[in-house]
Amino acid sequence: YIGEEAAKSAAFQHAGVSAGGVSKLKCKLDKDDGVWLYEVEFGVGRTEYEYEIEAYSGAILEKDMDD
């Protein structure tokens, strides 16, 4: 697996935020429909982000942003 730190870094980079501005960070390894992935959730200001990142390649499978 790429590891939690790499998964968080990929999500932060995609969202265009730095780790220092992030709050309410959650990251967990999960298996969904036979695929291992990291679920990364965090907030920046009033915006909440959710990412699903493939655990082997680091590819972003899903992303969601709510204001």
C-alpha atoms as a PDB file:
ATOM      1  CA  TYR A   1       0.000   0.000   0.000  1.00  0.00           C
ATOM      2  CA  ILE A   2       1.090   3.597  -0.543  1.00  0.00           C
ATOM      3  CA  GLY A   3       0.435   4.435   3.137  1.00  0.00           C
ATOM      4  CA  GLU A   4      -1.776   6.979   4.881  1.00  0.00           C
ATOM      5  CA  GLU A   5       0.704   9.855   4.548  1.00  0.00           C
ATOM      6  CA  ALA A   6       0.938   9.447   0.758  1.00  0.00           C
ATOM      7  CA  ALA A   7      -2.864   9.172   0.481  1.00  0.00           C
ATOM      8  CA  LYS A   8      -3.347  12.361   2.506  1.00  0.00           C
ATOM      9  CA  SER A   9      -0.679  14.140   0.475  1.00  0.00           C
ATOM     10  CA  ALA A  10      -2.372  13.143  -2.810  1.00  0.00           C
ATOM     11  CA  ALA A  11      -5.733  14.466  -1.559  1.00  0.00           C
ATOM     12  CA  PHE A  12      -4.224  17.746  -0.298  1.00  0.00           C
ATOM     13  CA  GLN A  13      -2.340  18.281  -3.567  1.00  0.00           C
ATOM     14  CA  HIS A  14      -5.443  17.608  -5.665  1.00  0.00           C
ATOM     15  CA  ALA A  15      -7.512  19.978  -3.504  1.00  0.00           C
ATOM     16  CA  GLY A  16      -4.785  22.648  -3.701  1.00  0.00           C
ATOM     17  CA  VAL A  17      -4.417  22.953   0.077  1.00  0.00           C
ATOM     18  CA  SER A  18      -1.536  22.605   2.511  1.00  0.00           C
ATOM     19  CA  ALA A  19      -1.566  20.257   5.495  1.00  0.00           C
ATOM     20  CA  GLY A  20      -1.249  23.230   7.843  1.00  0.00           C
ATOM     21  CA  GLY A  21      -4.666  24.605   6.814  1.00  0.00           C
ATOM     22  CA  VAL A  22      -6.515  21.308   7.247  1.00  0.00           C
ATOM     23  CA  SER A  23      -8.887  20.492  10.126  1.00  0.00           C
ATOM     24  CA  LYS A  24     -10.998  17.466  11.059  1.00  0.00           C
ATOM     25  CA  LEU A  25      -8.669  15.082   9.209  1.00  0.00           C
ATOM     26  CA  LYS A  26      -9.687  11.424   8.955  1.00  0.00           C
ATOM     27  CA  CYS A  27      -7.884   8.765   6.940  1.00  0.00           C
ATOM     28  CA  LYS A  28      -8.616   5.064   6.971  1.00  0.00           C
ATOM     29  CA  LEU A  29      -7.864   2.020   4.873  1.00  0.00           C
ATOM     30  CA  ASP A  30     -11.015   0.252   3.693  1.00  0.00           C
ATOM     31  CA  LYS A  31     -12.068  -2.412   1.217  1.00  0.00           C
ATOM     32  CA  ASP A  32     -14.940  -1.441  -1.088  1.00  0.00           C
ATOM     33  CA  ASP A  33     -16.244  -3.898  -3.714  1.00  0.00           C
ATOM     34  CA  GLY A  34     -12.979  -5.850  -3.507  1.00  0.00           C
ATOM     35  CA  VAL A  35     -10.779  -2.763  -3.959  1.00  0.00           C
ATOM     36  CA  TRP A  36      -8.496  -1.541  -1.167  1.00  0.00           C
ATOM     37  CA  LEU A  37      -8.653   2.223  -0.834  1.00  0.00           C
ATOM     38  CA  TYR A  38      -7.957   5.053   1.554  1.00  0.00           C
ATOM     39  CA  GLU A  39     -10.898   7.223   2.576  1.00  0.00           C
ATOM     40  CA  VAL A  40      -9.556  10.700   3.292  1.00  0.00           C
ATOM     41  CA  GLU A  41     -11.857  13.365   4.769  1.00  0.00           C
ATOM     42  CA  PHE A  42     -10.861  16.849   5.875  1.00  0.00           C
ATOM     43  CA  GLY A  43     -12.021  20.436   6.154  1.00  0.00           C
ATOM     44  CA  VAL A  44     -10.449  23.703   5.069  1.00  0.00           C
ATOM     45  CA  GLY A  45     -12.331  26.734   6.316  1.00  0.00           C
ATOM     46  CA  ARG A  46     -16.001  26.045   5.636  1.00  0.00           C
ATOM     47  CA  THR A  47     -15.317  23.539   2.849  1.00  0.00           C
ATOM     48  CA  GLU A  48     -15.332  19.783   3.445  1.00  0.00           C
ATOM     49  CA  TYR A  49     -13.477  17.384   1.167  1.00  0.00           C
ATOM     50  CA  GLU A  50     -13.840  13.626   0.751  1.00  0.00           C
ATOM     51  CA  TYR A  51     -11.506  11.479  -1.329  1.00  0.00           C
ATOM     52  CA  GLU A  52     -11.253   7.790  -2.150  1.00  0.00           C
ATOM     53  CA  ILE A  53      -7.709   6.912  -3.167  1.00  0.00           C
ATOM     54  CA  GLU A  54      -6.682   3.503  -4.534  1.00  0.00           C
ATOM     55  CA  ALA A  55      -4.379   1.929  -1.946  1.00  0.00           C
ATOM     56  CA  TYR A  56      -1.824   0.457  -4.367  1.00  0.00           C
ATOM     57  CA  SER A  57      -1.457   3.092  -7.086  1.00  0.00           C
ATOM     58  CA  GLY A  58      -2.501   6.277  -5.280  1.00  0.00           C
ATOM     59  CA  ALA A  59      -5.017   7.054  -8.028  1.00  0.00           C
ATOM     60  CA  ILE A  60      -7.970   9.222  -7.019  1.00  0.00           C
ATOM     61  CA  LEU A  61     -11.098   7.116  -7.539  1.00  0.00           C
ATOM     62  CA  GLU A  62     -13.682   9.562  -6.196  1.00  0.00           C
ATOM     63  CA  LYS A  63     -13.732  13.089  -4.864  1.00  0.00           C
ATOM     64  CA  ASP A  64     -16.391  15.296  -3.336  1.00  0.00           C
ATOM     65  CA  MET A  65     -16.367  18.862  -2.060  1.00  0.00           C
ATOM     66  CA  ASP A  66     -19.123  20.568  -0.043  1.00  0.00           C
ATOM     67  CA  ASP A  67     -19.292  24.210   1.003  1.00  0.00           C
END
